[in-house]
PDB file of N, CA and C in Angstrom:
ATOM      1  N   MET A   1       8.990  -2.266  -9.966  1.00  0.00           N
ATOM      2  CA  MET A   1       8.415  -1.525 -10.486  1.00  0.00           C
ATOM      3  C   MET A   1       7.858  -0.728  -9.383  1.00  0.00           C
ATOM      4  N   GLN A   2       7.937   0.793  -8.845  1.00  0.00           N
ATOM      5  CA  GLN A   2       7.706   1.507  -7.678  1.00  0.00           C
ATOM      6  C   GLN A   2       6.330   1.719  -8.189  1.00  0.00           C
ATOM      7  N   ARG A   3       5.413   2.076  -6.805  1.00  0.00           N
ATOM      8  CA  ARG A   3       3.602   2.002  -6.879  1.00  0.00           C
ATOM      9  C   ARG A   3       4.175   3.528  -6.568  1.00  0.00           C
ATOM     10  N   PRO A   4       3.313   4.344  -7.241  1.00  0.00           N
ATOM     11  CA  PRO A   4       3.097   5.594  -7.476  1.00  0.00           C
ATOM     12  C   PRO A   4       2.491   6.275  -5.513  1.00  0.00           C
ATOM     13  N   CYS A   5       2.497   7.479  -5.413  1.00  0.00           N
ATOM     14  CA  CYS A   5       2.226   8.107  -4.344  1.00  0.00           C
ATOM     15  C   CYS A   5       0.333   7.922  -4.347  1.00  0.00           C
ATOM     16  N   GLU A   6      -0.496   6.838  -3.665  1.00  0.00           N
ATOM     17  CA  GLU A   6      -2.181   7.366  -3.784  1.00  0.00           C
ATOM     18  C   GLU A   6      -2.184   8.214  -3.497  1.00  0.00           C
ATOM     19  N   VAL A   7      -2.052   9.111  -3.584  1.00  0.00           N
ATOM     20  CA  VAL A   7      -2.891  10.578  -2.692  1.00  0.00           C
ATOM     21  C   VAL A   7      -2.999  10.879  -4.166  1.00  0.00           C
ATOM     22  N   CYS A   8      -1.791  11.584  -4.368  1.00  0.00           N
ATOM     23  CA  CYS A   8      -1.145  11.697  -5.351  1.00  0.00           C
ATOM     24  C   CYS A   8      -1.951  11.892  -7.380  1.00  0.00           C
ATOM     25  N   ASP A   9      -1.759   9.887  -6.589  1.00  0.00           N
ATOM     26  CA  ASP A   9      -2.727   8.753  -8.178  1.00  0.00           C
ATOM     27  C   ASP A   9      -4.072   9.632  -7.881  1.00  0.00           C
ATOM     28  N   GLY A  10      -4.475   9.737  -6.479  1.00  0.00           N
ATOM     29  CA  GLY A  10      -6.300   9.913  -7.003  1.00  0.00           C
ATOM     30  C   GLY A  10      -6.107  11.367  -7.082  1.00  0.00           C
ATOM     31  N   LEU A  11      -5.515  12.595  -6.762  1.00  0.00           N
ATOM     32  CA  LEU A  11      -5.255  13.785  -7.331  1.00  0.00           C
ATOM     33  C   LEU A  11      -5.333  14.143  -9.030  1.00  0.00           C
ATOM     34  N   ALA A  12      -4.455  12.765  -9.673  1.00  0.00           N
ATOM     35  CA  ALA A  12      -4.096  13.034 -10.474  1.00  0.00           C
ATOM     36  C   ALA A  12      -5.281  12.843 -11.407  1.00  0.00           C
ATOM     37  N   LYS A  13      -5.886  11.799 -10.941  1.00  0.00           N
ATOM     38  CA  LYS A  13      -7.286  10.497 -11.505  1.00  0.00           C
ATOM     39  C   LYS A  13      -8.544  12.125 -11.765  1.00  0.00           C
ATOM     40  N   LEU A  14      -8.111  13.002 -10.700  1.00  0.00           N
ATOM     41  CA  LEU A  14      -8.895  13.639 -10.847  1.00  0.00           C
ATOM     42  C   LEU A  14      -8.803  14.781 -11.634  1.00  0.00           C
ATOM     43  N   GLU A  15      -7.441  14.754 -12.299  1.00  0.00           N
ATOM     44  CA  GLU A  15      -7.443  16.011 -13.157  1.00  0.00           C
ATOM     45  C   GLU A  15      -6.951  17.300 -12.182  1.00  0.00           C
ATOM     46  N   LEU A  16      -7.166  16.915 -10.832  1.00  0.00           N
ATOM     47  CA  LEU A  16      -6.505  18.583 -10.534  1.00  0.00           C
ATOM     48  C   LEU A  16      -5.544  18.753  -9.870  1.00  0.00           C
ATOM     49  N   GLN A  17      -4.223  17.762 -10.216  1.00  0.00           N
ATOM     50  CA  GLN A  17      -3.163  18.311  -9.867  1.00  0.00           C
ATOM     51  C   GLN A  17      -2.462  17.294 -11.341  1.00  0.00           C
ATOM     52  N   ALA A  18      -0.580  17.974 -11.547  1.00  0.00           N
ATOM     53  CA  ALA A  18      -0.295  16.680 -12.678  1.00  0.00           C
ATOM     54  C   ALA A  18       0.343  15.675 -12.511  1.00  0.00           C
ATOM     55  N   ALA A  19       0.708  14.862 -13.497  1.00  0.00           N
ATOM     56  CA  ALA A  19       1.670  14.076 -12.562  1.00  0.00           C
ATOM     57  C   ALA A  19       2.858  14.582 -11.869  1.00  0.00           C
ATOM     58  N   ALA A  20       3.157  13.895 -10.942  1.00  0.00           N
ATOM     59  CA  ALA A  20       4.732  14.378 -10.588  1.00  0.00           C
ATOM     60  C   ALA A  20       5.866  13.824 -11.025  1.00  0.00           C
ATOM     61  N   ASP A  21       6.774  14.218 -10.774  1.00  0.00           N
ATOM     62  CA  ASP A  21       8.185  13.611 -11.697  1.00  0.00           C
ATOM     63  C   ASP A  21       8.648  12.677 -10.775  1.00  0.00           C
ATOM     64  N   LYS A  22       8.191  11.320 -10.678  1.00  0.00           N
ATOM     65  CA  LYS A  22       8.614  10.274  -9.919  1.00  0.00           C
ATOM     66  C   LYS A  22       8.947  10.467  -8.588  1.00  0.00           C
ATOM     67  N   PRO A  23       8.375  11.261  -7.363  1.00  0.00           N
ATOM     68  CA  PRO A  23       9.121  12.328  -5.974  1.00  0.00           C
ATOM     69  C   PRO A  23       8.677  10.325  -5.851  1.00  0.00           C
ATOM     70  N   LYS A  24       9.826  10.361  -4.563  1.00  0.00           N
ATOM     71  CA  LYS A  24      10.255   9.888  -3.728  1.00  0.00           C
ATOM     72  C   LYS A  24       9.400   8.708  -2.978  1.00  0.00           C
ATOM     73  N   VAL A  25       9.153   7.725  -2.752  1.00  0.00           N
ATOM     74  CA  VAL A  25       7.557   7.207  -2.367  1.00  0.00           C
ATOM     75  C   VAL A  25       8.431   6.829  -1.069  1.00  0.00           C
ATOM     76  N   ARG A  26       7.305   6.621  -0.431  1.00  0.00           N
ATOM     77  CA  ARG A  26       7.539   5.552   0.794  1.00  0.00           C
ATOM     78  C   ARG A  26       6.801   4.746   1.418  1.00  0.00           C
ATOM     79  N   ARG A  27       6.944   3.438   1.513  1.00  0.00           N
ATOM     80  CA  ARG A  27       6.088   2.454   2.163  1.00  0.00           C
ATOM     81  C   ARG A  27       5.413   3.106   3.547  1.00  0.00           C
ATOM     82  N   VAL A  28       4.600   3.317   4.031  1.00  0.00           N
ATOM     83  CA  VAL A  28       3.727   3.802   5.260  1.00  0.00           C
ATOM     84  C   VAL A  28       2.879   2.819   6.134  1.00  0.00           C
ATOM     85  N   LEU A  29       3.445   1.950   6.933  1.00  0.00           N
ATOM     86  CA  LEU A  29       2.296   0.614   8.143  1.00  0.00           C
ATOM     87  C   LEU A  29       1.455   1.561   8.964  1.00  0.00           C
ATOM     88  N   VAL A  30       0.274   1.372   8.635  1.00  0.00           N
ATOM     89  CA  VAL A  30      -1.459   2.142   8.832  1.00  0.00           C
ATOM     90  C   VAL A  30      -1.669   1.258   9.253  1.00  0.00           C
ATOM     91  N   GLY A  31      -2.049   0.967  10.216  1.00  0.00           N
ATOM     92  CA  GLY A  31      -2.787  -0.433  10.985  1.00  0.00           C
ATOM     93  C   GLY A  31      -2.008  -1.549  10.682  1.00  0.00           C
ATOM     94  N   GLU A  32      -2.947  -2.247   9.729  1.00  0.00           N
ATOM     95  CA  GLU A  32      -2.492  -3.626   9.098  1.00  0.00           C
ATOM     96  C   GLU A  32      -1.818  -3.519   7.252  1.00  0.00           C
ATOM     97  N   ARG A  33      -2.062  -2.402   7.420  1.00  0.00           N
ATOM     98  CA  ARG A  33      -2.350  -2.366   5.413  1.00  0.00           C
ATOM     99  C   ARG A  33      -0.966  -1.307   5.736  1.00  0.00           C
ATOM    100  N   ILE A  34      -0.344  -1.362   4.491  1.00  0.00           N
ATOM    101  CA  ILE A  34       0.894  -0.410   3.912  1.00  0.00           C
ATOM    102  C   ILE A  34       0.585   0.491   2.370  1.00  0.00           C
ATOM    103  N   VAL A  35       0.920   1.094   2.533  1.00  0.00           N
ATOM    104  CA  VAL A  35       0.369   2.518   2.120  1.00  0.00           C
ATOM    105  C   VAL A  35       1.247   3.348   1.556  1.00  0.00           C
ATOM    106  N   ALA A  36       1.514   3.233  -0.038  1.00  0.00           N
ATOM    107  CA  ALA A  36       2.417   4.219  -0.417  1.00  0.00           C
ATOM    108  C   ALA A  36       2.310   5.260  -0.599  1.00  0.00           C
ATOM    109  N   LEU A  37       3.081   6.098   0.148  1.00  0.00           N
ATOM    110  CA  LEU A  37       2.757   7.932  -0.363  1.00  0.00           C
ATOM    111  C   LEU A  37       4.283   8.532  -0.119  1.00  0.00           C
ATOM    112  N   CYS A  38       4.011   9.810  -0.721  1.00  0.00           N
ATOM    113  CA  CYS A  38       5.314  10.835  -0.815  1.00  0.00           C
ATOM    114  C   CYS A  38       5.386  11.385   0.347  1.00  0.00           C
ATOM    115  N   GLU A  39       6.903  11.637   0.092  1.00  0.00           N
ATOM    116  CA  GLU A  39       7.337  12.155   1.698  1.00  0.00           C
ATOM    117  C   GLU A  39       6.447  13.603   2.229  1.00  0.00           C
ATOM    118  N   VAL A  40       5.500  14.135   1.216  1.00  0.00           N
ATOM    119  CA  VAL A  40       4.936  15.457   1.421  1.00  0.00           C
ATOM    120  C   VAL A  40       3.505  14.887   2.404  1.00  0.00           C
ATOM    121  N   HIS A  41       2.707  13.830   1.696  1.00  0.00           N
ATOM    122  CA  HIS A  41       1.839  13.187   2.235  1.00  0.00           C
ATOM    123  C   HIS A  41       2.402  12.542   3.326  1.00  0.00           C
ATOM    124  N   ALA A  42       3.725  11.665   3.460  1.00  0.00           N
ATOM    125  CA  ALA A  42       3.766  10.731   4.596  1.00  0.00           C
ATOM    126  C   ALA A  42       3.949  11.526   5.943  1.00  0.00           C
ATOM    127  N   ALA A  43       4.433  12.474   5.278  1.00  0.00           N
ATOM    128  CA  ALA A  43       4.622  13.407   7.065  1.00  0.00           C
ATOM    129  C   ALA A  43       3.067  13.754   7.617  1.00  0.00           C
ATOM    130  N   GLN A  44       2.648  14.096   6.834  1.00  0.00           N
ATOM    131  CA  GLN A  44       1.232  14.234   7.287  1.00  0.00           C
ATOM    132  C   GLN A  44       0.722  13.616   8.226  1.00  0.00           C
ATOM    133  N   VAL A  45       0.794  12.349   7.534  1.00  0.00           N
ATOM    134  CA  VAL A  45       0.630  11.214   8.361  1.00  0.00           C
ATOM    135  C   VAL A  45       0.957  10.637   9.151  1.00  0.00           C
ATOM    136  N   LYS A  46       2.179  11.419   9.441  1.00  0.00           N
ATOM    137  CA  LYS A  46       3.196  11.187  11.236  1.00  0.00           C
ATOM    138  C   LYS A  46       2.352  12.464  11.932  1.00  0.00           C
ATOM    139  N   ARG A  47       2.424  13.484  11.371  1.00  0.00           N
ATOM    140  CA  ARG A  47       2.390  14.727  12.141  1.00  0.00           C
ATOM    141  C   ARG A  47       1.055  14.103  12.460  1.00  0.00           C
ATOM    142  N   ALA A  48       0.374  13.907  11.718  1.00  0.00           N
ATOM    143  CA  ALA A  48      -1.613  13.363  12.423  1.00  0.00           C
ATOM    144  C   ALA A  48      -1.651  12.768  13.411  1.00  0.00           C
ATOM    145  N   GLY A  49      -0.426  11.535  13.373  1.00  0.00           N
ATOM    146  CA  GLY A  49      -0.226  10.751  14.274  1.00  0.00           C
ATOM    147  C   GLY A  49      -1.517   9.218  14.163  1.00  0.00           C
ATOM    148  N   THR A  50      -1.775   9.394  12.707  1.00  0.00           N
ATOM    149  CA  THR A  50      -2.930   8.054  11.990  1.00  0.00           C
ATOM    150  C   THR A  50      -1.864   6.925  12.556  1.00  0.00           C
ATOM    151  N   THR A  51      -3.259   6.686  13.104  1.00  0.00           N
ATOM    152  CA  THR A  51      -3.031   5.028  13.468  1.00  0.00           C
ATOM    153  C   THR A  51      -3.773   3.693  12.634  1.00  0.00           C
ATOM    154  N   ASP A  52      -5.016   4.366  11.755  1.00  0.00           N
ATOM    155  CA  ASP A  52      -5.919   3.278  11.021  1.00  0.00           C
ATOM    156  C   ASP A  52      -6.320   3.362   9.442  1.00  0.00           C
ATOM    157  N   VAL A  53      -6.581   2.744   9.320  1.00  0.00           N
ATOM    158  CA  VAL A  53      -6.937   3.138   7.866  1.00  0.00           C
ATOM    159  C   VAL A  53      -8.430   3.887   7.762  1.00  0.00           C
ATOM    160  N   ASP A  54      -9.181   3.819   8.551  1.00  0.00           N
ATOM    161  CA  ASP A  54     -10.299   5.082   8.269  1.00  0.00           C
ATOM    162  C   ASP A  54      -9.536   6.430   8.319  1.00  0.00           C
ATOM    163  N   THR A  55      -9.208   6.534   9.820  1.00  0.00           N
ATOM    164  CA  THR A  55      -8.310   7.972  10.342  1.00  0.00           C
ATOM    165  C   THR A  55      -7.945   8.318   8.987  1.00  0.00           C
ATOM    166  N   LEU A  56      -6.763   7.826   8.159  1.00  0.00           N
ATOM    167  CA  LEU A  56      -6.077   7.728   6.801  1.00  0.00           C
ATOM    168  C   LEU A  56      -6.629   8.348   6.300  1.00  0.00           C
ATOM    169  N   ARG A  57      -8.244   7.653   5.426  1.00  0.00           N
ATOM    170  CA  ARG A  57      -9.141   7.618   4.364  1.00  0.00           C
ATOM    171  C   ARG A  57      -9.319   9.103   4.806  1.00  0.00           C
ATOM    172  N   GLU A  58      -9.791   9.742   6.485  1.00  0.00           N
ATOM    173  CA  GLU A  58     -10.127  11.052   6.582  1.00  0.00           C
ATOM    174  C   GLU A  58      -8.927  11.743   6.436  1.00  0.00           C
ATOM    175  N   LEU A  59      -8.286  12.175   6.556  1.00  0.00           N
ATOM    176  CA  LEU A  59      -7.352  12.618   6.396  1.00  0.00           C
ATOM    177  C   LEU A  59      -6.874  13.280   4.739  1.00  0.00           C
ATOM    178  N   PHE A  60      -7.180  12.305   4.214  1.00  0.00           N
ATOM    179  CA  PHE A  60      -7.193  12.781   2.462  1.00  0.00           C
ATOM    180  C   PHE A  60      -8.354  12.917   1.623  1.00  0.00           C
ATOM    181  N   PRO A  61      -9.442  13.580   2.520  1.00  0.00           N
ATOM    182  CA  PRO A  61     -10.221  13.517   0.900  1.00  0.00           C
ATOM    183  C   PRO A  61     -10.149  14.433  -0.143  1.00  0.00           C
ATOM    184  N   GLU A  62     -11.481  13.864  -0.728  1.00  0.00           N
ATOM    185  CA  GLU A  62     -11.579  14.886  -2.339  1.00  0.00           C
ATOM    186  C   GLU A  62     -11.770  15.948  -2.042  1.00  0.00           C
ATOM    187  N   PRO A  63     -11.270  17.215  -2.797  1.00  0.00           N
ATOM    188  CA  PRO A  63     -11.382  18.757  -2.356  1.00  0.00           C
ATOM    189  C   PRO A  63     -12.953  18.790  -2.771  1.00  0.00           C
ATOM    190  N   SER A  64     -13.598  18.377  -3.751  1.00  0.00           N
ATOM    191  CA  SER A  64     -15.046  18.708  -4.023  1.00  0.00           C
ATOM    192  C   SER A  64     -15.687  17.117  -3.746  1.00  0.00           C
ATOM    193  N   GLY A  65     -16.319  16.845  -2.837  1.00  0.00           N
ATOM    194  CA  GLY A  65     -17.205  15.353  -2.804  1.00  0.00           C
ATOM    195  C   GLY A  65     -16.603  15.147  -0.743  1.00  0.00           C
ATOM    196  N   ARG A  66     -17.090  13.802  -0.966  1.00  0.00           N
ATOM    197  CA  ARG A  66     -17.081  12.974   0.198  1.00  0.00           C
ATOM    198  C   ARG A  66     -16.238  11.901   0.000  1.00  0.00           C
ATOM    199  N   ARG A  67     -15.507  11.664  -0.855  1.00  0.00           N
ATOM    200  CA  ARG A  67     -14.612  10.431  -0.687  1.00  0.00           C
ATOM    201  C   ARG A  67     -12.925  10.746  -0.310  1.00  0.00           C
ATOM    202  N   SER A  68     -12.844   9.743  -0.275  1.00  0.00           N
ATOM    203  CA  SER A  68     -10.878   9.647   0.183  1.00  0.00           C
ATOM    204  C   SER A  68     -10.372   9.481  -1.260  1.00  0.00           C
ATOM    205  N   LEU A  69      -9.225  10.250  -1.075  1.00  0.00           N
ATOM    206  CA  LEU A  69      -8.040  10.117  -2.393  1.00  0.00           C
ATOM    207  C   LEU A  69      -7.710   8.754  -1.905  1.00  0.00           C
ATOM    208  N   VAL A  70      -7.333   8.353  -0.877  1.00  0.00           N
ATOM    209  CA  VAL A  70      -6.991   6.772   0.102  1.00  0.00           C
ATOM    210  C   VAL A  70      -8.162   6.180  -0.325  1.00  0.00           C
ATOM    211  N   GLY A  71      -7.461   4.378  -1.557  1.00  0.00           N
ATOM    212  CA  GLY A  71      -8.981   3.907  -1.777  1.00  0.00           C
ATOM    213  C   GLY A  71      -9.466   2.965  -0.730  1.00  0.00           C
ATOM    214  N   ARG A  72     -10.117   2.012  -0.340  1.00  0.00           N
ATOM    215  CA  ARG A  72     -10.375   1.276   0.774  1.00  0.00           C
ATOM    216  C   ARG A  72      -9.166  -0.257   0.289  1.00  0.00           C
ATOM    217  N   ARG A  73      -9.211  -0.375  -1.163  1.00  0.00           N
ATOM    218  CA  ARG A  73      -7.900  -1.594  -0.301  1.00  0.00           C
ATOM    219  C   ARG A  73      -7.106  -1.121  -1.490  1.00  0.00           C
ATOM    220  N   SER A  74      -6.193  -2.303  -1.116  1.00  0.00           N
ATOM    221  CA  SER A  74      -4.800  -2.303  -1.582  1.00  0.00           C
ATOM    222  C   SER A  74      -3.889  -2.925  -2.428  1.00  0.00           C
ATOM    223  N   PRO A  75      -2.742  -3.037  -3.279  1.00  0.00           N
ATOM    224  CA  PRO A  75      -2.791  -4.142  -3.409  1.00  0.00           C
ATOM    225  C   PRO A  75      -1.969  -5.211  -2.380  1.00  0.00           C
ATOM    226  N   LEU A  76      -1.846  -6.357  -2.589  1.00  0.00           N
ATOM    227  CA  LEU A  76      -1.602  -6.920  -1.149  1.00  0.00           C
ATOM    228  C   LEU A  76      -0.319  -7.042  -1.496  1.00  0.00           C
ATOM    229  N   ASP A  77       0.215  -6.915  -0.590  1.00  0.00           N
ATOM    230  CA  ASP A  77       2.089  -6.456  -0.181  1.00  0.00           C
ATOM    231  C   ASP A  77       2.389  -7.260   1.428  1.00  0.00           C
ATOM    232  N   ARG A  78       2.893  -8.465   0.558  1.00  0.00           N
ATOM    233  CA  ARG A  78       3.029  -9.987   1.345  1.00  0.00           C
ATOM    234  C   ARG A  78       3.806  -9.632   2.868  1.00  0.00           C
ATOM    235  N   ARG A  79       5.011  -8.990   2.415  1.00  0.00           N
ATOM    236  CA  ARG A  79       5.860  -8.507   3.311  1.00  0.00           C
ATOM    237  C   ARG A  79       4.658  -7.986   4.629  1.00  0.00           C
ATOM    238  N   VAL A  80       3.602  -7.416   4.969  1.00  0.00           N
ATOM    239  CA  VAL A  80       3.169  -7.757   5.966  1.00  0.00           C
ATOM    240  C   VAL A  80       2.814  -9.087   6.951  1.00  0.00           C
ATOM    241  N   PHE A  81       2.959  -9.924   6.468  1.00  0.00           N
ATOM    242  CA  PHE A  81       2.098 -10.773   7.017  1.00  0.00           C
ATOM    243  C   PHE A  81       3.660 -11.973   7.507  1.00  0.00           C
ATOM    244  N   PRO A  82       3.440 -12.237   8.377  1.00  0.00           N
ATOM    245  CA  PRO A  82       5.563 -13.274   8.910  1.00  0.00           C
ATOM    246  C   PRO A  82       5.431 -14.592   7.742  1.00  0.00           C
ATOM    247  N   PRO A  83       6.175 -14.735   7.759  1.00  0.00           N
ATOM    248  CA  PRO A  83       6.499 -15.927   6.844  1.00  0.00           C
ATOM    249  C   PRO A  83       5.718 -17.251   7.656  1.00  0.00           C
ATOM    250  N   ARG A  84       5.392 -18.313   7.058  1.00  0.00           N
ATOM    251  CA  ARG A  84       5.037 -19.483   7.261  1.00  0.00           C
ATOM    252  C   ARG A  84       6.089 -20.475   8.297  1.00  0.00           C
ATOM    253  N   PRO A  85       5.068 -21.151   9.304  1.00  0.00           N
ATOM    254  CA  PRO A  85       6.263 -21.485  10.700  1.00  0.00           C
ATOM    255  C   PRO A  85       6.729 -22.463  10.163  1.00  0.00           C
ATOM    256  N   GLU A  86       5.918 -22.868   9.335  1.00  0.00           N
ATOM    257  CA  GLU A  86       6.651 -24.609   8.808  1.00  0.00           C
ATOM    258  C   GLU A  86       8.083 -24.543   7.351  1.00  0.00           C
ATOM    259  N   GLY A  87       8.050 -22.723   6.849  1.00  0.00           N
ATOM    260  CA  GLY A  87       8.547 -22.952   6.142  1.00  0.00           C
ATOM    261  C   GLY A  87       8.224 -22.856   4.553  1.00  0.00           C
ATOM    262  N   ARG A  88       8.833 -22.785   3.327  1.00  0.00           N
ATOM    263  CA  ARG A  88       8.383 -22.638   2.539  1.00  0.00           C
ATOM    264  C   ARG A  88       7.622 -24.391   2.031  1.00  0.00           C
ATOM    265  N   ARG A  89       6.431 -23.898   0.689  1.00  0.00           N
ATOM    266  CA  ARG A  89       6.188 -24.971   0.555  1.00  0.00           C
ATOM    267  C   ARG A  89       6.917 -26.341  -0.389  1.00  0.00           C
ATOM    268  N   ARG A  90       6.945 -27.095  -0.492  1.00  0.00           N
ATOM    269  CA  ARG A  90       7.370 -27.703  -1.347  1.00  0.00           C
ATOM    270  C   ARG A  90       6.447 -29.331  -1.939  1.00  0.00           C
ATOM    271  N   SER A  91       7.315 -29.137  -3.179  1.00  0.00           N
ATOM    272  CA  SER A  91       6.385 -29.905  -4.009  1.00  0.00           C
ATOM    273  C   SER A  91       6.804 -31.410  -4.155  1.00  0.00           C
ATOM    274  N   GLY A  92       6.253 -32.904  -3.473  1.00  0.00           N
ATOM    275  CA  GLY A  92       6.297 -33.850  -3.375  1.00  0.00           C
ATOM    276  C   GLY A  92       7.405 -34.562  -4.256  1.00  0.00           C
ATOM    277  N   GLY A  93       6.717 -33.748  -5.821  1.00  0.00           N
ATOM    278  CA  GLY A  93       7.707 -34.503  -7.139  1.00  0.00           C
ATOM    279  C   GLY A  93       6.220 -35.135  -7.762  1.00  0.00           C
ATOM    280  N   ARG A  94       6.340 -35.154  -9.426  1.00  0.00           N
ATOM    281  CA  ARG A  94       5.192 -35.141 -10.049  1.00  0.00           C
ATOM    282  C   ARG A  94       4.241 -36.969  -9.938  1.00  0.00           C
ATOM    283  N   ARG A  95       5.086 -37.497  -9.487  1.00  0.00           N
ATOM    284  CA  ARG A  95       4.049 -38.610  -9.539  1.00  0.00           C
ATOM    285  C   ARG A  95       4.993 -39.373  -8.077  1.00  0.00           C
ATOM    286  N   ALA A  96       4.296 -40.377  -7.164  1.00  0.00           N
ATOM    287  CA  ALA A  96       4.096 -40.921  -6.102  1.00  0.00           C
ATOM    288  C   ALA A  96       5.418 -41.697  -5.751  1.00  0.00           C
ATOM    289  N   ASP A  97       5.624 -42.489  -7.044  1.00  0.00           N
ATOM    290  CA  ASP A  97       7.242 -43.293  -7.289  1.00  0.00           C
ATOM    291  C   ASP A  97       8.321 -42.455  -7.915  1.00  0.00           C
ATOM    292  N   ASP A  98       7.994 -40.934  -7.168  1.00  0.00           N
ATOM    293  CA  ASP A  98       9.449 -40.213  -7.866  1.00  0.00           C
ATOM    294  C   ASP A  98       9.982 -40.043  -6.857  1.00  0.00           C
ATOM    295  N   ALA A  99      11.652 -40.005  -7.257  1.00  0.00           N
ATOM    296  CA  ALA A  99      12.669 -40.017  -5.531  1.00  0.00           C
ATOM    297  C   ALA A  99      13.098 -38.706  -5.170  1.00  0.00           C
ATOM    298  N   ARG A 100      12.482 -38.737  -3.896  1.00  0.00           N
ATOM    299  CA  ARG A 100      13.030 -37.234  -3.671  1.00  0.00           C
ATOM    300  C   ARG A 100      14.445 -37.089  -2.979  1.00  0.00           C
ATOM    301  N   ASP A 101      14.723 -35.701  -3.523  1.00  0.00           N
ATOM    302  CA  ASP A 101      16.520 -35.467  -2.961  1.00  0.00           C
ATOM    303  C   ASP A 101      16.089 -35.451  -1.274  1.00  0.00           C
TER     304      ASP A 101
END
């Protein structure tokens, strides 16, 4: 399931913009966070040269208010973190005397 654009979703929740017909969403790495943005909002981020989340939040304020349309927290996207150097965890079996493969 594709995540919606975080800015468009914020506008739709405020009922300032109708929900779009599934625009193409890009995942943009800003600082250490991956943000889901439509092509229009991703282009704005690129033009502004945004490098951290605080600047990103200032770039998309609510039309009436001081809050940002981009939330402080985002669903965890594991692809930001590198794989474990020791590899995946493996179960040793249910009991101590189970044979290992």
